[in-house]
Amino acid sequence: MRDIRGRFEGIRVVGDVHGDADAFHAAVDGAAAERLFVIQLGDLTDGGSDGPGVLRRAISLRVEGRGLFMLGNHDHKLRRALEGASLRIEASGLGRTLEQIGAAGDAESLRRRAVEEIGRAPAWLRIDQRLFVHGGFHPRMLHAPAPPDAGARKPEGLVPRALFGQVTSRMRDDGFPERLHDWVDRIPQGFTVYCGHEVRSTDGRPYMQLGAGGGAAVFMDTGAGKGGHLSWVDLPW
């Protein structure tokens, strides 16, 4: 990460993709044209029509040194499924992704590469006064680097917060955990957290929430692969 300032004009932050390959290709191609380093906030697959295409492009970004993807909860679950773990699989989500991978001409190599790349994906990343994470923030993330193998093992420490955000023990009527956003108030003044994980926008644009501590969170998930669209924002150094 130390040399990207000399090679790139800034950062393109891309929200949850969920298998929307066409939109992801557009975001990445546009970033290349503008000389922007891509940080994708996790949840590459599950929902859209081309999970394999998204995985291939995300992997090539890291290999070519032009970007990376953060570790999302769907990515973590996909890695476990590809390694043979017994999981609850939703037919329209992970089930669809596994079918798409199985039908791909490069299925075996794609499985292997996906396991490797998800295993090394960062759970959170700080660059100056910005922090990038999939699910939710904790103040210790500003001072502690993410475990290098967070994607390859059971979540512990700060990793559950990074993957799932802040949740209660209750379930919502839609079957998803009840989520809290108290962590936004703990973002220090001058810092901005870019995250995905849940659609909080009501107008199709990334949603910004200001916290009591003076910081801000930008929620980037606008429903790509699930009936919405893919969003991204460009940041200068």
Protein backbone atom coordinates (compact mmCIF):
# COMPACT_ATOMS: atom_id res chain seq x y z
CA MET A 1 0.00 0.00 0.00
CA ARG A 2 2.94 2.36 0.51
CA ASP A 3 3.60 2.95 -3.17
CA ILE A 4 0.06 3.52 -4.42
CA ARG A 5 0.20 7.30 -3.99
CA GLY A 6 2.87 7.52 -6.66
CA ARG A 7 0.99 5.28 -9.08
CA PHE A 8 -2.59 6.44 -8.59
CA GLU A 9 -4.42 9.78 -8.44
CA GLY A 10 -6.75 8.66 -5.67
CA ILE A 11 -9.11 5.88 -4.58
CA ARG A 12 -12.35 4.54 -6.00
CA VAL A 13 -14.44 3.01 -3.19
CA VAL A 14 -16.91 0.44 -4.54
CA GLY A 15 -19.85 -0.92 -2.57
CA ASP A 16 -21.23 -4.46 -2.27
CA VAL A 17 -21.32 -6.13 -5.72
CA HIS A 18 -23.27 -9.36 -5.07
CA GLY A 19 -22.58 -10.87 -8.48
CA ASP A 20 -23.36 -7.81 -10.63
CA ALA A 21 -20.40 -8.31 -12.95
CA ASP A 22 -21.35 -5.75 -15.61
CA ALA A 23 -21.54 -2.95 -13.06
CA PHE A 24 -18.32 -4.07 -11.38
CA HIS A 25 -16.49 -4.13 -14.70
CA ALA A 26 -17.73 -0.60 -15.40
CA ALA A 27 -16.50 0.60 -12.00
CA VAL A 28 -13.08 -1.02 -12.41
CA ASP A 29 -12.62 0.08 -16.03
CA GLY A 30 -13.56 3.63 -15.09
CA ALA A 31 -11.09 3.58 -12.21
CA ALA A 32 -8.31 2.46 -14.55
CA ALA A 33 -9.11 5.30 -16.94
CA GLU A 34 -8.92 7.81 -14.08
CA ARG A 35 -5.83 6.21 -12.50
CA LEU A 36 -7.71 5.37 -9.29
CA PHE A 37 -6.86 2.54 -6.91
CA VAL A 38 -9.95 0.38 -6.27
CA ILE A 39 -11.06 -0.57 -2.76
CA GLN A 40 -14.12 -2.79 -2.93
CA LEU A 41 -15.89 -3.17 0.40
CA GLY A 42 -16.66 -6.89 0.35
CA ASP A 43 -19.60 -9.17 -0.53
CA LEU A 44 -18.49 -9.91 -4.08
CA THR A 45 -21.03 -12.65 -4.76
CA ASP A 46 -24.47 -14.08 -3.91
CA GLY A 47 -27.47 -12.62 -5.68
CA GLY A 48 -26.43 -11.54 -9.17
CA SER A 49 -26.00 -13.37 -12.47
CA ASP A 50 -22.20 -13.66 -12.69
CA GLY A 51 -20.42 -14.35 -9.42
CA PRO A 52 -17.49 -16.02 -11.21
CA GLY A 53 -16.93 -12.94 -13.36
CA VAL A 54 -16.84 -10.74 -10.29
CA LEU A 55 -14.43 -13.07 -8.51
CA ARG A 56 -12.06 -13.19 -11.48
CA ARG A 57 -12.00 -9.39 -11.78
CA ALA A 58 -11.54 -8.84 -8.06
CA ILE A 59 -8.66 -11.32 -7.94
CA SER A 60 -6.97 -9.74 -10.96
CA LEU A 61 -7.15 -6.33 -9.29
CA ARG A 62 -5.01 -7.52 -6.40
CA VAL A 63 -2.64 -9.57 -8.54
CA GLU A 64 -2.04 -6.57 -10.83
CA GLY A 65 -1.66 -4.18 -7.89
CA ARG A 66 -4.57 -2.00 -9.02
CA GLY A 67 -6.92 -2.62 -6.12
CA LEU A 68 -8.21 -4.99 -3.47
CA PHE A 69 -11.41 -6.22 -1.89
CA MET A 70 -12.22 -6.11 1.79
CA LEU A 71 -13.42 -9.22 3.62
CA GLY A 72 -17.22 -9.36 3.73
CA ASN A 73 -19.45 -11.82 5.53
CA HIS A 74 -20.60 -13.34 2.22
CA ASP A 75 -17.00 -13.76 1.10
CA HIS A 76 -16.07 -15.45 4.36
CA LYS A 77 -19.02 -17.84 4.03
CA LEU A 78 -18.18 -18.58 0.39
CA ARG A 79 -14.65 -19.59 1.35
CA ARG A 80 -16.00 -21.97 3.98
CA ALA A 81 -18.45 -23.48 1.48
CA LEU A 82 -15.71 -23.97 -1.12
CA GLU A 83 -13.68 -25.82 1.50
CA GLY A 84 -16.56 -28.20 2.19
CA ALA A 85 -17.98 -26.82 5.44
CA SER A 86 -21.56 -27.76 6.34
CA LEU A 87 -23.52 -24.51 6.07
CA ARG A 88 -27.03 -23.16 5.71
CA ILE A 89 -27.18 -22.21 2.05
CA GLU A 90 -29.81 -19.87 0.61
CA ALA A 91 -30.76 -20.96 -2.89
CA SER A 92 -30.94 -17.40 -4.25
CA GLY A 93 -27.67 -16.36 -2.64
CA LEU A 94 -24.75 -18.65 -1.90
CA GLY A 95 -26.51 -21.55 -3.63
CA ARG A 96 -26.66 -19.58 -6.86
CA THR A 97 -23.00 -18.62 -6.56
CA LEU A 98 -21.91 -22.22 -6.04
CA GLU A 99 -23.93 -23.31 -9.07
CA GLN A 100 -22.36 -20.55 -11.18
CA ILE A 101 -18.86 -21.53 -10.10
CA GLY A 102 -19.59 -25.21 -10.74
CA ALA A 103 -20.72 -24.42 -14.30
CA ALA A 104 -17.66 -22.29 -15.09
CA GLY A 105 -15.02 -23.64 -17.44
CA ASP A 106 -12.33 -22.80 -14.90
CA ALA A 107 -14.30 -24.08 -11.92
CA GLU A 108 -11.48 -25.93 -10.18
CA SER A 109 -8.89 -23.17 -10.50
CA LEU A 110 -11.48 -20.52 -9.61
CA ARG A 111 -12.40 -22.38 -6.42
CA ARG A 112 -8.75 -22.61 -5.44
CA ARG A 113 -7.99 -18.98 -6.23
CA ALA A 114 -11.12 -17.75 -4.45
CA VAL A 115 -10.19 -19.64 -1.27
CA GLU A 116 -6.68 -18.19 -1.37
CA GLU A 117 -7.72 -14.61 -2.08
CA ILE A 118 -10.57 -14.51 0.43
CA GLY A 119 -8.17 -15.93 3.00
CA ARG A 120 -5.86 -12.93 2.57
CA ALA A 121 -8.51 -10.20 2.21
CA PRO A 122 -8.17 -7.46 4.87
CA ALA A 123 -10.93 -7.20 7.46
CA TRP A 124 -10.30 -3.47 7.75
CA LEU A 125 -7.86 -0.97 6.32
CA ARG A 126 -6.87 2.50 7.46
CA ILE A 127 -5.45 5.09 5.07
CA ASP A 128 -4.80 8.43 6.79
CA GLN A 129 -8.13 9.68 8.21
CA ARG A 130 -10.19 7.09 6.36
CA LEU A 131 -11.07 3.57 7.39
CA PHE A 132 -12.49 0.93 5.05
CA VAL A 133 -14.45 -2.01 6.44
CA HIS A 134 -17.35 -4.16 5.34
CA GLY A 135 -19.74 -4.28 8.29
CA GLY A 136 -18.97 -1.97 11.19
CA PHE A 137 -16.34 0.09 12.97
CA HIS A 138 -14.64 -0.16 16.35
CA PRO A 139 -12.21 2.52 17.62
CA ARG A 140 -9.44 -0.06 18.09
CA MET A 141 -9.38 -0.53 14.32
CA LEU A 142 -7.67 2.85 14.03
CA HIS A 143 -4.66 1.56 15.93
CA ALA A 144 -4.55 -2.20 15.32
CA PRO A 145 -3.89 -3.74 11.91
CA ALA A 146 -6.33 -6.39 10.75
CA PRO A 147 -5.21 -10.02 11.22
CA PRO A 148 -3.53 -11.12 7.98
CA ASP A 149 -5.47 -14.40 7.96
CA ALA A 150 -8.90 -13.10 9.04
CA GLY A 151 -10.51 -14.58 5.93
CA ALA A 152 -9.04 -18.01 6.53
CA ARG A 153 -10.29 -18.75 10.05
CA LYS A 154 -13.17 -18.34 12.48
CA PRO A 155 -13.92 -14.66 13.19
CA GLU A 156 -12.68 -13.47 16.57
CA GLY A 157 -11.59 -10.26 18.26
CA LEU A 158 -12.61 -7.29 16.13
CA VAL A 159 -13.28 -9.38 13.04
CA PRO A 160 -16.97 -10.13 13.83
CA ARG A 161 -17.60 -6.38 14.07
CA ALA A 162 -15.82 -5.90 10.74
CA LEU A 163 -17.89 -8.59 9.03
CA PHE A 164 -21.32 -8.26 10.64
CA GLY A 165 -21.47 -4.80 12.15
CA GLN A 166 -23.12 -4.33 15.54
CA VAL A 167 -26.05 -6.66 16.21
CA THR A 168 -28.38 -7.60 19.03
CA SER A 169 -29.60 -11.09 19.88
CA ARG A 170 -32.98 -10.35 18.25
CA MET A 171 -34.13 -11.07 14.70
CA ARG A 172 -36.12 -8.69 12.52
CA ASP A 173 -39.35 -9.65 10.78
CA ASP A 174 -37.41 -10.18 7.53
CA GLY A 175 -35.27 -12.87 9.17
CA PHE A 176 -32.09 -10.77 9.44
CA PRO A 177 -30.39 -9.86 12.74
CA GLU A 178 -31.38 -6.59 14.35
CA ARG A 179 -28.55 -4.15 13.70
CA LEU A 180 -27.36 -1.19 15.72
CA HIS A 181 -25.33 1.77 14.55
CA ASP A 182 -24.05 3.08 17.88
CA TRP A 183 -20.54 2.61 16.54
CA VAL A 184 -21.00 5.63 14.27
CA ASP A 185 -20.98 7.86 17.37
CA ARG A 186 -17.54 6.48 18.27
CA ILE A 187 -15.84 7.60 15.07
CA PRO A 188 -13.44 10.40 16.05
CA GLN A 189 -13.69 13.86 14.60
CA GLY A 190 -11.98 14.14 11.25
CA PHE A 191 -12.31 10.43 10.43
CA THR A 192 -14.61 8.86 7.86
CA VAL A 193 -15.52 5.17 7.77
CA TYR A 194 -16.57 3.66 4.44
CA CYS A 195 -18.61 0.48 4.82
CA GLY A 196 -21.17 -1.71 3.08
CA HIS A 197 -23.13 -4.70 4.40
CA GLU A 198 -26.61 -3.20 4.46
CA VAL A 199 -28.74 -0.91 2.32
CA ARG A 200 -29.50 2.22 4.34
CA SER A 201 -30.01 4.58 1.44
CA THR A 202 -33.49 5.84 0.57
CA ASP A 203 -32.52 7.70 -2.60
CA GLY A 204 -30.18 5.26 -4.37
CA ARG A 205 -27.05 7.11 -3.31
CA PRO A 206 -24.51 6.16 -0.63
CA TYR A 207 -25.87 7.15 2.77
CA MET A 208 -23.78 9.34 5.09
CA GLN A 209 -24.40 9.40 8.84
CA LEU A 210 -22.66 11.91 11.10
CA GLY A 211 -21.71 10.68 14.55
CA ALA A 212 -21.81 12.35 17.97
CA GLY A 213 -18.01 12.16 18.14
CA GLY A 214 -17.60 14.31 15.06
CA GLY A 215 -16.77 11.55 12.59
CA ALA A 216 -18.86 10.15 9.76
CA ALA A 217 -19.81 6.83 8.21
CA VAL A 218 -20.62 6.37 4.53
CA PHE A 219 -22.78 3.31 3.81
CA MET A 220 -22.02 2.25 0.23
CA ASP A 221 -24.38 -0.69 -0.33
CA THR A 222 -27.19 0.37 -2.68
CA GLY A 223 -28.49 -3.07 -3.59
CA ALA A 224 -26.33 -4.32 -6.47
CA GLY A 225 -27.29 -7.87 -7.46
CA LYS A 226 -30.44 -7.65 -5.35
CA GLY A 227 -32.68 -5.34 -7.31
CA GLY A 228 -30.70 -2.14 -6.78
CA HIS A 229 -27.48 -0.92 -8.35
CA LEU A 230 -23.77 -0.60 -7.67
CA SER A 231 -22.41 2.64 -6.20
CA TRP A 232 -18.90 4.01 -5.92
CA VAL A 233 -17.24 7.22 -4.79
CA ASP A 234 -13.90 8.70 -5.85
CA LEU A 235 -11.56 10.12 -3.22
CA PRO A 236 -8.48 12.27 -3.77
CA TRP A 237 -5.38 11.79 -1.65
